[in-house]
Amino acid sequence: MKTQSVFAMAFVSTFAATSPAIAQDRSDWPDNFTVGTASQGGTYFAYGSGWANFVAENLGVSGGAEITGGPMQNMALVHTGDLKFGLTTMGPAQESIDGNSPLAPGMKMDNVCAMFPMYETPFSVTALSSSGITSISDIPDGATIGFGPAGSTSDTYFPRIMETLGVNFERRNGSWSDLGGQLQDGLIDVVAFAAGIPIPAVSQLEVQTDVTIIGMTDEEAKKVTANFPVSEFTIPASTYQSLNEPSRVVSMWNFAMVNCDMPESFVYEITKLTMENNDKMVSIHKAAKNSIPENYTKNNVLPWHPGAARWFNENGYTIEDSKINQ
């Protein structure tokens, strides 16, 4: 499981001098931290690196993001303690906890705890307008489809979704940026994206060429929600310049996670900082508009870290003891 580190250090002394987090006992806090994200060109990397810098600047602990294979690999890295924090989606999280991760078959990755809700990951398809593909049923037999990095949420679920919808395809993996380039160069037919919106790679494609963002029909959406751990979702027309109307798709929830052995006070302060400053989070990435406390109920997979649970319970969002890691 190779990763590439992109580390940013930040410290704001004036804030540190007055911060309650600094005033408390930090003897068991780490000297630094790293957040497992995903490939460049995707939402995880933009969200995770910005969030890591935000935490580092405000809590006085150096931190940064690491490029990884996405949710499945992040679950493995956080479980083993190679990374202390990571981003994941509920589907890969469930498979990893159950011991069904393709990265380590049979290993139950149960030392991973939830911190806070992030956003929903829509599953959508993008093609060049010149291809004439305007619907999933238009995808030609044997088309080459880019499904994102191996082991990512998209790569784990989108091929199965396409098979369920009767699409016959050749599979291609790669970073979102790389697959966007291959689509533009005509080396692949479509890209099946699963990432928070707006997806940086799609926004970049729109600047360089004409693309079609493909949604699902009522029948397709119902078939997919009946067979996978997803729910129906609508991409607002304002998300991309290529959309003239809202696009109906399906989505899966994302959560920030932490190794369960991390100090309670450290996780509490990070959760507090993140949940009480949504305007700052939205400035990091627009998908963070859903990174709000009310969405804590979307986690029905991971046990909660005691530090995160303490903040939610103190602020009127009830997390029962049975759902908190002991």
C-alpha atoms as a PDB file:
ATOM      1  CA  MET A   1       0.000   0.000   0.000  1.00  0.00           C
ATOM      2  CA  LYS A   2       2.185   2.795  -1.297  1.00  0.00           C
ATOM      3  CA  THR A   3       1.329   6.354  -0.428  1.00  0.00           C
ATOM      4  CA  GLN A   4       2.734   9.725  -1.328  1.00  0.00           C
ATOM      5  CA  SER A   5       2.994  12.327   1.400  1.00  0.00           C
ATOM      6  CA  VAL A   6       1.952  15.913   0.865  1.00  0.00           C
ATOM      7  CA  PHE A   7       2.714  17.535   4.202  1.00  0.00           C
ATOM      8  CA  ALA A   8       1.978  21.100   5.248  1.00  0.00           C
ATOM      9  CA  MET A   9       3.072  22.600   8.545  1.00  0.00           C
ATOM     10  CA  ALA A  10       1.338  25.551  10.120  1.00  0.00           C
ATOM     11  CA  PHE A  11       1.342  27.317  13.452  1.00  0.00           C
ATOM     12  CA  VAL A  12      -0.350  30.500  14.565  1.00  0.00           C
ATOM     13  CA  SER A  13       1.292  31.702  17.755  1.00  0.00           C
ATOM     14  CA  THR A  14      -1.192  34.456  18.494  1.00  0.00           C
ATOM     15  CA  PHE A  15      -4.064  31.980  18.409  1.00  0.00           C
ATOM     16  CA  ALA A  16      -2.114  29.409  20.386  1.00  0.00           C
ATOM     17  CA  ALA A  17      -1.531  31.879  23.184  1.00  0.00           C
ATOM     18  CA  THR A  18      -5.250  32.221  23.834  1.00  0.00           C
ATOM     19  CA  SER A  19      -6.674  28.890  22.666  1.00  0.00           C
ATOM     20  CA  PRO A  20      -8.399  26.731  25.321  1.00  0.00           C
ATOM     21  CA  ALA A  21      -6.908  23.715  23.557  1.00  0.00           C
ATOM     22  CA  ILE A  22      -3.422  25.007  24.255  1.00  0.00           C
ATOM     23  CA  ALA A  23      -4.242  25.787  27.892  1.00  0.00           C
ATOM     24  CA  GLN A  24      -5.304  22.238  28.686  1.00  0.00           C
ATOM     25  CA  ASP A  25      -2.998  19.286  29.323  1.00  0.00           C
ATOM     26  CA  ARG A  26      -1.567  18.218  25.976  1.00  0.00           C
ATOM     27  CA  SER A  27       1.027  15.802  27.307  1.00  0.00           C
ATOM     28  CA  ASP A  28      -0.461  12.878  25.388  1.00  0.00           C
ATOM     29  CA  TRP A  29      -1.061  14.780  22.141  1.00  0.00           C
ATOM     30  CA  PRO A  30       1.009  13.785  19.100  1.00  0.00           C
ATOM     31  CA  ASP A  31       3.680  16.137  17.758  1.00  0.00           C
ATOM     32  CA  ASN A  32       2.170  15.907  14.275  1.00  0.00           C
ATOM     33  CA  PHE A  33      -0.571  14.147  12.344  1.00  0.00           C
ATOM     34  CA  THR A  34      -1.345  13.029   8.816  1.00  0.00           C
ATOM     35  CA  VAL A  35      -4.732  12.590   7.123  1.00  0.00           C
ATOM     36  CA  GLY A  36      -5.236   9.846   4.547  1.00  0.00           C
ATOM     37  CA  THR A  37      -7.097  11.282   1.543  1.00  0.00           C
ATOM     38  CA  ALA A  38      -7.087   9.888  -2.039  1.00  0.00           C
ATOM     39  CA  SER A  39      -5.709  10.818  -5.456  1.00  0.00           C
ATOM     40  CA  GLN A  40      -5.022  14.345  -6.630  1.00  0.00           C
ATOM     41  CA  GLY A  41      -7.824  15.791  -8.733  1.00  0.00           C
ATOM     42  CA  GLY A  42     -10.451  14.328  -6.415  1.00  0.00           C
ATOM     43  CA  THR A  43     -12.485  15.888  -3.612  1.00  0.00           C
ATOM     44  CA  TYR A  44     -10.875  13.850  -0.820  1.00  0.00           C
ATOM     45  CA  PHE A  45      -7.461  15.365  -1.488  1.00  0.00           C
ATOM     46  CA  ALA A  46      -8.765  18.944  -1.680  1.00  0.00           C
ATOM     47  CA  TYR A  47     -10.990  18.537   1.388  1.00  0.00           C
ATOM     48  CA  GLY A  48      -8.486  16.553   3.455  1.00  0.00           C
ATOM     49  CA  SER A  49      -5.442  18.720   2.805  1.00  0.00           C
ATOM     50  CA  GLY A  50      -7.387  21.915   3.507  1.00  0.00           C
ATOM     51  CA  TRP A  51      -8.878  20.468   6.690  1.00  0.00           C
ATOM     52  CA  ALA A  52      -5.478  19.250   7.916  1.00  0.00           C
ATOM     53  CA  ASN A  53      -4.004  22.716   7.422  1.00  0.00           C
ATOM     54  CA  PHE A  54      -6.976  24.295   9.211  1.00  0.00           C
ATOM     55  CA  VAL A  55      -6.513  22.025  12.231  1.00  0.00           C
ATOM     56  CA  ALA A  56      -2.745  22.551  12.248  1.00  0.00           C
ATOM     57  CA  GLU A  57      -3.071  26.331  12.149  1.00  0.00           C
ATOM     58  CA  ASN A  58      -5.574  26.471  14.990  1.00  0.00           C
ATOM     59  CA  LEU A  59      -4.340  23.772  17.360  1.00  0.00           C
ATOM     60  CA  GLY A  60      -0.621  24.343  16.969  1.00  0.00           C
ATOM     61  CA  VAL A  61       0.185  20.778  15.886  1.00  0.00           C
ATOM     62  CA  SER A  62       1.856  20.306  12.502  1.00  0.00           C
ATOM     63  CA  GLY A  63      -0.277  18.308  10.108  1.00  0.00           C
ATOM     64  CA  GLY A  64      -0.875  17.516   6.482  1.00  0.00           C
ATOM     65  CA  ALA A  65      -2.484  15.247   3.929  1.00  0.00           C
ATOM     66  CA  GLU A  66      -1.264  12.047   2.345  1.00  0.00           C
ATOM     67  CA  ILE A  67      -2.185  10.829  -1.118  1.00  0.00           C
ATOM     68  CA  THR A  68      -3.602   7.300  -0.851  1.00  0.00           C
ATOM     69  CA  GLY A  69      -5.789   4.875  -2.754  1.00  0.00           C
ATOM     70  CA  GLY A  70      -8.890   6.260  -1.042  1.00  0.00           C
ATOM     71  CA  PRO A  71     -11.445   4.955   1.499  1.00  0.00           C
ATOM     72  CA  MET A  72     -10.442   1.270   1.547  1.00  0.00           C
ATOM     73  CA  GLN A  73      -6.755   2.002   1.964  1.00  0.00           C
ATOM     74  CA  ASN A  74      -7.480   4.753   4.484  1.00  0.00           C
ATOM     75  CA  MET A  75      -9.414   2.265   6.623  1.00  0.00           C
ATOM     76  CA  ALA A  76      -6.424  -0.082   6.588  1.00  0.00           C
ATOM     77  CA  LEU A  77      -3.855   2.638   7.322  1.00  0.00           C
ATOM     78  CA  VAL A  78      -5.883   4.126  10.191  1.00  0.00           C
ATOM     79  CA  HIS A  79      -6.662   0.696  11.658  1.00  0.00           C
ATOM     80  CA  THR A  80      -2.970  -0.245  11.791  1.00  0.00           C
ATOM     81  CA  GLY A  81      -1.972   3.193  13.076  1.00  0.00           C
ATOM     82  CA  ASP A  82       0.213   4.002  10.064  1.00  0.00           C
ATOM     83  CA  LEU A  83      -2.017   7.069   9.731  1.00  0.00           C
ATOM     84  CA  LYS A  84      -3.920   8.596  12.637  1.00  0.00           C
ATOM     85  CA  PHE A  85      -6.712  10.177  10.589  1.00  0.00           C
ATOM     86  CA  GLY A  86      -8.447   9.386   7.316  1.00  0.00           C
ATOM     87  CA  LEU A  87     -11.508   9.905   5.162  1.00  0.00           C
ATOM     88  CA  THR A  88     -13.859   7.081   4.204  1.00  0.00           C
ATOM     89  CA  THR A  89     -17.286   6.248   2.844  1.00  0.00           C
ATOM     90  CA  MET A  90     -19.771   4.052   4.657  1.00  0.00           C
ATOM     91  CA  GLY A  91     -19.697   1.195   2.139  1.00  0.00           C
ATOM     92  CA  PRO A  92     -15.935   0.573   2.216  1.00  0.00           C
ATOM     93  CA  ALA A  93     -15.983   1.174   5.982  1.00  0.00           C
ATOM     94  CA  GLN A  94     -18.533  -1.612   6.480  1.00  0.00           C
ATOM     95  CA  GLU A  95     -16.644  -4.022   4.230  1.00  0.00           C
ATOM     96  CA  SER A  96     -13.379  -3.282   6.057  1.00  0.00           C
ATOM     97  CA  ILE A  97     -14.895  -3.767   9.513  1.00  0.00           C
ATOM     98  CA  ASP A  98     -16.433  -7.057   8.376  1.00  0.00           C
ATOM     99  CA  GLY A  99     -13.058  -8.326   7.160  1.00  0.00           C
ATOM    100  CA  ASN A 100     -13.968  -8.104   3.481  1.00  0.00           C
ATOM    101  CA  SER A 101     -11.429  -5.501   2.364  1.00  0.00           C
ATOM    102  CA  PRO A 102      -9.606  -6.634  -0.805  1.00  0.00           C
ATOM    103  CA  LEU A 103      -6.438  -5.111   0.688  1.00  0.00           C
ATOM    104  CA  ALA A 104      -6.402  -7.504   3.638  1.00  0.00           C
ATOM    105  CA  PRO A 105      -9.017 -10.268   3.267  1.00  0.00           C
ATOM    106  CA  GLY A 106     -10.089 -11.671   6.619  1.00  0.00           C
ATOM    107  CA  MET A 107      -8.689  -8.789   8.700  1.00  0.00           C
ATOM    108  CA  LYS A 108     -11.445  -7.071  10.662  1.00  0.00           C
ATOM    109  CA  MET A 109     -10.418  -3.421  10.759  1.00  0.00           C
ATOM    110  CA  ASP A 110     -12.155  -2.531  13.993  1.00  0.00           C
ATOM    111  CA  ASN A 111      -9.697  -0.009  15.463  1.00  0.00           C
ATOM    112  CA  VAL A 112     -11.220   2.827  13.452  1.00  0.00           C
ATOM    113  CA  CYS A 113     -13.596   5.371  15.024  1.00  0.00           C
ATOM    114  CA  ALA A 114     -15.888   8.029  13.566  1.00  0.00           C
ATOM    115  CA  MET A 115     -15.187  11.733  14.133  1.00  0.00           C
ATOM    116  CA  PHE A 116     -17.677  13.800  12.127  1.00  0.00           C
ATOM    117  CA  PRO A 117     -19.854  13.714   8.981  1.00  0.00           C
ATOM    118  CA  MET A 118     -18.352  15.092   5.773  1.00  0.00           C
ATOM    119  CA  TYR A 119     -20.706  14.990   2.795  1.00  0.00           C
ATOM    120  CA  GLU A 120     -22.417  12.682   0.351  1.00  0.00           C
ATOM    121  CA  THR A 121     -20.492  11.163  -2.548  1.00  0.00           C
ATOM    122  CA  PRO A 122     -22.613  11.230  -5.723  1.00  0.00           C
ATOM    123  CA  PHE A 123     -22.007   8.571  -8.378  1.00  0.00           C
ATOM    124  CA  SER A 124     -22.095  10.221 -11.806  1.00  0.00           C
ATOM    125  CA  VAL A 125     -20.772   9.617 -15.300  1.00  0.00           C
ATOM    126  CA  THR A 126     -18.919  12.113 -17.494  1.00  0.00           C
ATOM    127  CA  ALA A 127     -18.312  11.817 -21.239  1.00  0.00           C
ATOM    128  CA  LEU A 128     -17.085  14.113 -23.969  1.00  0.00           C
ATOM    129  CA  SER A 129     -20.006  15.838 -25.688  1.00  0.00           C
ATOM    130  CA  SER A 130     -18.492  14.815 -29.030  1.00  0.00           C
ATOM    131  CA  SER A 131     -19.048  11.144 -28.117  1.00  0.00           C
ATOM    132  CA  GLY A 132     -22.822  11.493 -28.359  1.00  0.00           C
ATOM    133  CA  ILE A 133     -23.233   9.614 -25.064  1.00  0.00           C
ATOM    134  CA  THR A 134     -26.008  11.317 -23.114  1.00  0.00           C
ATOM    135  CA  SER A 135     -27.305   8.463 -20.924  1.00  0.00           C
ATOM    136  CA  ILE A 136     -26.019   5.305 -19.307  1.00  0.00           C
ATOM    137  CA  SER A 137     -27.910   3.249 -21.877  1.00  0.00           C
ATOM    138  CA  ASP A 138     -25.942   5.080 -24.604  1.00  0.00           C
ATOM    139  CA  ILE A 139     -22.605   3.712 -23.363  1.00  0.00           C
ATOM    140  CA  PRO A 140     -21.477   1.410 -26.180  1.00  0.00           C
ATOM    141  CA  ASP A 141     -20.858  -2.280 -25.691  1.00  0.00           C
ATOM    142  CA  GLY A 142     -17.266  -2.853 -24.585  1.00  0.00           C
ATOM    143  CA  ALA A 143     -16.641   0.817 -23.761  1.00  0.00           C
ATOM    144  CA  THR A 144     -13.567   1.646 -21.696  1.00  0.00           C
ATOM    145  CA  ILE A 145     -14.655   3.210 -18.408  1.00  0.00           C
ATOM    146  CA  GLY A 146     -12.371   4.917 -15.895  1.00  0.00           C
ATOM    147  CA  PHE A 147     -13.376   4.013 -12.334  1.00  0.00           C
ATOM    148  CA  GLY A 148     -10.813   5.987 -10.346  1.00  0.00           C
ATOM    149  CA  PRO A 149      -7.976   4.663  -8.170  1.00  0.00           C
ATOM    150  CA  ALA A 150      -7.990   0.926  -7.434  1.00  0.00           C
ATOM    151  CA  GLY A 151      -9.782   0.280  -4.168  1.00  0.00           C
ATOM    152  CA  SER A 152     -11.538   3.643  -4.129  1.00  0.00           C
ATOM    153  CA  THR A 153     -15.259   3.987  -3.457  1.00  0.00           C
ATOM    154  CA  SER A 154     -15.885   4.418  -7.158  1.00  0.00           C
ATOM    155  CA  ASP A 155     -13.755   1.411  -8.102  1.00  0.00           C
ATOM    156  CA  THR A 156     -15.410  -0.723  -5.419  1.00  0.00           C
ATOM    157  CA  TYR A 157     -19.022   0.028  -6.297  1.00  0.00           C
ATOM    158  CA  PHE A 158     -19.358   1.655  -9.726  1.00  0.00           C
ATOM    159  CA  PRO A 159     -18.347  -1.439 -11.764  1.00  0.00           C
ATOM    160  CA  ARG A 160     -21.004  -3.443  -9.902  1.00  0.00           C
ATOM    161  CA  ILE A 161     -23.530  -0.666 -10.497  1.00  0.00           C
ATOM    162  CA  MET A 162     -22.742  -0.636 -14.214  1.00  0.00           C
ATOM    163  CA  GLU A 163     -23.106  -4.408 -14.408  1.00  0.00           C
ATOM    164  CA  THR A 164     -26.473  -4.171 -12.630  1.00  0.00           C
ATOM    165  CA  LEU A 165     -27.573  -1.629 -15.242  1.00  0.00           C
ATOM    166  CA  GLY A 166     -26.534  -3.945 -18.065  1.00  0.00           C
ATOM    167  CA  VAL A 167     -23.415  -2.091 -19.213  1.00  0.00           C
ATOM    168  CA  ASN A 168     -20.630  -4.216 -20.725  1.00  0.00           C
ATOM    169  CA  PHE A 169     -17.279  -2.465 -20.290  1.00  0.00           C
ATOM    170  CA  GLU A 170     -13.512  -2.586 -20.100  1.00  0.00           C
ATOM    171  CA  ARG A 171     -12.182  -1.392 -16.738  1.00  0.00           C
ATOM    172  CA  ARG A 172      -9.520   1.315 -16.333  1.00  0.00           C
ATOM    173  CA  ASN A 173      -8.041   2.591 -13.068  1.00  0.00           C
ATOM    174  CA  GLY A 174      -6.046   5.722 -12.308  1.00  0.00           C
ATOM    175  CA  SER A 175      -6.150   9.024 -10.480  1.00  0.00           C
ATOM    176  CA  TRP A 176      -9.050  11.317 -11.303  1.00  0.00           C
ATOM    177  CA  SER A 177      -6.698  13.824 -12.923  1.00  0.00           C
ATOM    178  CA  ASP A 178      -5.115  11.114 -15.072  1.00  0.00           C
ATOM    179  CA  LEU A 179      -8.468   9.654 -16.120  1.00  0.00           C
ATOM    180  CA  GLY A 180      -9.739  13.130 -16.988  1.00  0.00           C
ATOM    181  CA  GLY A 181      -6.740  13.562 -19.258  1.00  0.00           C
ATOM    182  CA  GLN A 182      -7.350  10.163 -20.876  1.00  0.00           C
ATOM    183  CA  LEU A 183     -10.987  11.072 -21.501  1.00  0.00           C
ATOM    184  CA  GLN A 184      -9.993  14.356 -23.117  1.00  0.00           C
ATOM    185  CA  ASP A 185      -7.429  12.551 -25.308  1.00  0.00           C
ATOM    186  CA  GLY A 186      -9.974   9.954 -26.422  1.00  0.00           C
ATOM    187  CA  LEU A 187      -8.182   7.056 -24.736  1.00  0.00           C
ATOM    188  CA  ILE A 188     -11.254   6.090 -22.694  1.00  0.00           C
ATOM    189  CA  ASP A 189     -14.963   6.502 -23.396  1.00  0.00           C
ATOM    190  CA  VAL A 190     -16.358   7.713 -20.072  1.00  0.00           C
ATOM    191  CA  VAL A 191     -15.294   8.313 -16.479  1.00  0.00           C
ATOM    192  CA  ALA A 192     -17.491   6.994 -13.669  1.00  0.00           C
ATOM    193  CA  PHE A 193     -16.862   9.468 -10.858  1.00  0.00           C
ATOM    194  CA  ALA A 194     -17.700   8.920  -7.206  1.00  0.00           C
ATOM    195  CA  ALA A 195     -16.529  11.999  -5.297  1.00  0.00           C
ATOM    196  CA  GLY A 196     -17.862  15.024  -3.464  1.00  0.00           C
ATOM    197  CA  ILE A 197     -19.085  17.794  -5.719  1.00  0.00           C
ATOM    198  CA  PRO A 198     -17.835  19.798  -7.434  1.00  0.00           C
ATOM    199  CA  ILE A 199     -15.173  17.281  -8.472  1.00  0.00           C
ATOM    200  CA  PRO A 200     -11.979  19.214  -9.300  1.00  0.00           C
ATOM    201  CA  ALA A 201     -11.164  16.968 -12.267  1.00  0.00           C
ATOM    202  CA  VAL A 202     -14.610  17.562 -13.819  1.00  0.00           C
ATOM    203  CA  SER A 203     -14.397  21.312 -13.269  1.00  0.00           C
ATOM    204  CA  GLN A 204     -11.006  21.278 -14.982  1.00  0.00           C
ATOM    205  CA  LEU A 205     -12.375  19.258 -17.911  1.00  0.00           C
ATOM    206  CA  GLU A 206     -15.150  21.803 -18.405  1.00  0.00           C
ATOM    207  CA  VAL A 207     -12.585  24.538 -18.856  1.00  0.00           C
ATOM    208  CA  GLN A 208     -10.708  22.574 -21.506  1.00  0.00           C
ATOM    209  CA  THR A 209     -13.453  20.852 -23.525  1.00  0.00           C
ATOM    210  CA  ASP A 210     -17.197  20.226 -23.851  1.00  0.00           C
ATOM    211  CA  VAL A 211     -18.450  17.457 -21.581  1.00  0.00           C
ATOM    212  CA  THR A 212     -21.756  15.812 -20.776  1.00  0.00           C
ATOM    213  CA  ILE A 213     -22.535  14.954 -17.161  1.00  0.00           C
ATOM    214  CA  ILE A 214     -24.839  11.948 -17.206  1.00  0.00           C
ATOM    215  CA  GLY A 215     -27.495  11.201 -14.619  1.00  0.00           C
ATOM    216  CA  MET A 216     -29.778   8.218 -14.047  1.00  0.00           C
ATOM    217  CA  THR A 217     -33.345   7.568 -15.113  1.00  0.00           C
ATOM    218  CA  ASP A 218     -36.003   6.860 -12.484  1.00  0.00           C
ATOM    219  CA  GLU A 219     -35.804   3.156 -13.265  1.00  0.00           C
ATOM    220  CA  GLU A 220     -31.988   3.087 -13.076  1.00  0.00           C
ATOM    221  CA  ALA A 221     -31.896   4.950  -9.760  1.00  0.00           C
ATOM    222  CA  LYS A 222     -34.475   2.631  -8.201  1.00  0.00           C
ATOM    223  CA  LYS A 223     -32.607  -0.475  -9.355  1.00  0.00           C
ATOM    224  CA  VAL A 224     -29.318   0.781  -7.955  1.00  0.00           C
ATOM    225  CA  THR A 225     -30.718   1.870  -4.560  1.00  0.00           C
ATOM    226  CA  ALA A 226     -32.375  -1.519  -4.215  1.00  0.00           C
ATOM    227  CA  ASN A 227     -29.068  -3.344  -4.687  1.00  0.00           C
ATOM    228  CA  PHE A 228     -26.397  -1.132  -3.062  1.00  0.00           C
ATOM    229  CA  PRO A 229     -25.845   0.878   0.178  1.00  0.00           C
ATOM    230  CA  VAL A 230     -26.684   4.175  -1.524  1.00  0.00           C
ATOM    231  CA  SER A 231     -29.561   6.648  -1.619  1.00  0.00           C
ATOM    232  CA  GLU A 232     -30.970   8.869  -4.349  1.00  0.00           C
ATOM    233  CA  PHE A 233     -29.276  12.232  -4.784  1.00  0.00           C
ATOM    234  CA  THR A 234     -29.678  15.264  -7.014  1.00  0.00           C
ATOM    235  CA  ILE A 235     -26.673  17.214  -8.303  1.00  0.00           C
ATOM    236  CA  PRO A 236     -27.772  20.882  -8.479  1.00  0.00           C
ATOM    237  CA  ALA A 237     -27.504  22.470 -11.906  1.00  0.00           C
ATOM    238  CA  SER A 238     -25.325  25.202 -10.425  1.00  0.00           C
ATOM    239  CA  THR A 239     -22.600  22.663  -9.579  1.00  0.00           C
ATOM    240  CA  TYR A 240     -21.155  22.546 -13.097  1.00  0.00           C
ATOM    241  CA  GLN A 241     -21.403  24.857 -16.085  1.00  0.00           C
ATOM    242  CA  SER A 242     -22.174  21.793 -18.227  1.00  0.00           C
ATOM    243  CA  LEU A 243     -25.446  21.126 -16.386  1.00  0.00           C
ATOM    244  CA  ASN A 244     -28.558  22.888 -17.638  1.00  0.00           C
ATOM    245  CA  GLU A 245     -30.808  21.162 -15.107  1.00  0.00           C
ATOM    246  CA  PRO A 246     -30.417  19.095 -11.915  1.00  0.00           C
ATOM    247  CA  SER A 247     -28.974  15.630 -12.448  1.00  0.00           C
ATOM    248  CA  ARG A 248     -30.475  12.619 -10.683  1.00  0.00           C
ATOM    249  CA  VAL A 249     -27.901  10.117  -9.385  1.00  0.00           C
ATOM    250  CA  VAL A 250     -27.195   8.084  -6.236  1.00  0.00           C
ATOM    251  CA  SER A 251     -24.824   8.808  -3.358  1.00  0.00           C
ATOM    252  CA  MET A 252     -23.006   7.388  -0.318  1.00  0.00           C
ATOM    253  CA  TRP A 253     -22.057   9.222   2.897  1.00  0.00           C
ATOM    254  CA  ASN A 254     -18.471  10.087   3.874  1.00  0.00           C
ATOM    255  CA  PHE A 255     -17.076  10.454   7.404  1.00  0.00           C
ATOM    256  CA  ALA A 256     -13.780  11.590   8.863  1.00  0.00           C
ATOM    257  CA  MET A 257     -12.278   8.815  10.966  1.00  0.00           C
ATOM    258  CA  VAL A 258      -9.507   8.412  13.502  1.00  0.00           C
ATOM    259  CA  ASN A 259      -7.496   5.612  15.039  1.00  0.00           C
ATOM    260  CA  CYS A 260      -9.433   4.687  18.186  1.00  0.00           C
ATOM    261  CA  ASP A 261      -6.291   4.959  20.334  1.00  0.00           C
ATOM    262  CA  MET A 262      -5.830   8.691  19.718  1.00  0.00           C
ATOM    263  CA  PRO A 263      -6.092  10.900  22.855  1.00  0.00           C
ATOM    264  CA  GLU A 264      -9.658  11.869  23.752  1.00  0.00           C
ATOM    265  CA  SER A 265      -8.859  15.546  24.358  1.00  0.00           C
ATOM    266  CA  PHE A 266      -7.088  15.886  20.994  1.00  0.00           C
ATOM    267  CA  VAL A 267      -9.987  14.351  19.057  1.00  0.00           C
ATOM    268  CA  TYR A 268     -12.456  16.455  21.065  1.00  0.00           C
ATOM    269  CA  GLU A 269     -10.691  19.699  20.120  1.00  0.00           C
ATOM    270  CA  ILE A 270     -10.463  18.727  16.442  1.00  0.00           C
ATOM    271  CA  THR A 271     -14.152  17.799  16.358  1.00  0.00           C
ATOM    272  CA  LYS A 272     -15.081  21.038  18.123  1.00  0.00           C
ATOM    273  CA  LEU A 273     -13.006  23.154  15.747  1.00  0.00           C
ATOM    274  CA  THR A 274     -14.457  21.461  12.666  1.00  0.00           C
ATOM    275  CA  MET A 275     -18.102  21.340  13.711  1.00  0.00           C
ATOM    276  CA  GLU A 276     -18.179  24.925  15.010  1.00  0.00           C
ATOM    277  CA  ASN A 277     -16.594  26.525  11.930  1.00  0.00           C
ATOM    278  CA  ASN A 278     -18.592  25.351   8.941  1.00  0.00           C
ATOM    279  CA  ASP A 279     -18.008  28.623   7.081  1.00  0.00           C
ATOM    280  CA  LYS A 280     -14.281  27.910   7.124  1.00  0.00           C
ATOM    281  CA  MET A 281     -14.830  24.319   6.018  1.00  0.00           C
ATOM    282  CA  VAL A 282     -16.972  25.473   3.082  1.00  0.00           C
ATOM    283  CA  SER A 283     -14.183  27.842   2.050  1.00  0.00           C
ATOM    284  CA  ILE A 284     -11.925  24.766   1.858  1.00  0.00           C
ATOM    285  CA  HIS A 285     -14.396  22.855  -0.327  1.00  0.00           C
ATOM    286  CA  LYS A 286     -18.045  23.511  -1.186  1.00  0.00           C
ATOM    287  CA  ALA A 287     -18.963  19.898  -0.368  1.00  0.00           C
ATOM    288  CA  ALA A 288     -18.380  20.791   3.295  1.00  0.00           C
ATOM    289  CA  LYS A 289     -21.746  22.568   3.399  1.00  0.00           C
ATOM    290  CA  ASN A 290     -22.974  19.180   4.622  1.00  0.00           C
ATOM    291  CA  SER A 291     -20.187  18.816   7.201  1.00  0.00           C
ATOM    292  CA  ILE A 292     -22.582  19.833   9.936  1.00  0.00           C
ATOM    293  CA  PRO A 293     -23.421  18.192  13.285  1.00  0.00           C
ATOM    294  CA  GLU A 294     -27.000  17.353  12.285  1.00  0.00           C
ATOM    295  CA  ASN A 295     -25.678  14.743   9.842  1.00  0.00           C
ATOM    296  CA  TYR A 296     -24.049  12.665  12.593  1.00  0.00           C
ATOM    297  CA  THR A 297     -26.983  10.251  12.281  1.00  0.00           C
ATOM    298  CA  LYS A 298     -25.704   9.176   8.843  1.00  0.00           C
ATOM    299  CA  ASN A 299     -23.063   7.024  10.548  1.00  0.00           C
ATOM    300  CA  ASN A 300     -24.481   3.566  11.182  1.00  0.00           C
ATOM    301  CA  VAL A 301     -21.223   1.701  10.663  1.00  0.00           C
ATOM    302  CA  LEU A 302     -18.291   3.024  12.720  1.00  0.00           C
ATOM    303  CA  PRO A 303     -18.118   3.263  16.514  1.00  0.00           C
ATOM    304  CA  TRP A 304     -17.643   6.841  17.691  1.00  0.00           C
ATOM    305  CA  HIS A 305     -14.382   8.014  19.195  1.00  0.00           C
ATOM    306  CA  PRO A 306     -15.005   9.081  22.845  1.00  0.00           C
ATOM    307  CA  GLY A 307     -13.572  12.544  22.147  1.00  0.00           C
ATOM    308  CA  ALA A 308     -15.873  13.148  19.184  1.00  0.00           C
ATOM    309  CA  ALA A 309     -18.882  11.669  21.003  1.00  0.00           C
ATOM    310  CA  ARG A 310     -18.250  13.987  23.961  1.00  0.00           C
ATOM    311  CA  TRP A 311     -18.514  17.073  21.758  1.00  0.00           C
ATOM    312  CA  PHE A 312     -21.726  15.864  20.082  1.00  0.00           C
ATOM    313  CA  ASN A 313     -23.345  14.929  23.398  1.00  0.00           C
ATOM    314  CA  GLU A 314     -22.377  18.260  24.971  1.00  0.00           C
ATOM    315  CA  ASN A 315     -24.057  20.073  22.100  1.00  0.00           C
ATOM    316  CA  GLY A 316     -27.390  18.275  22.037  1.00  0.00           C
ATOM    317  CA  TYR A 317     -26.654  15.496  19.537  1.00  0.00           C
ATOM    318  CA  THR A 318     -27.210  12.259  21.411  1.00  0.00           C
ATOM    319  CA  ILE A 319     -24.789   9.399  20.853  1.00  0.00           C
ATOM    320  CA  GLU A 320     -25.614   6.428  23.041  1.00  0.00           C
ATOM    321  CA  ASP A 321     -22.877   4.718  25.061  1.00  0.00           C
ATOM    322  CA  SER A 322     -23.367   1.518  23.079  1.00  0.00           C
ATOM    323  CA  LYS A 323     -22.236   3.363  19.943  1.00  0.00           C
ATOM    324  CA  ILE A 324     -19.077   4.788  21.513  1.00  0.00           C
ATOM    325  CA  ASN A 325     -15.801   2.887  21.414  1.00  0.00           C
ATOM    326  CA  GLN A 326     -14.864   1.761  24.915  1.00  0.00           C
END
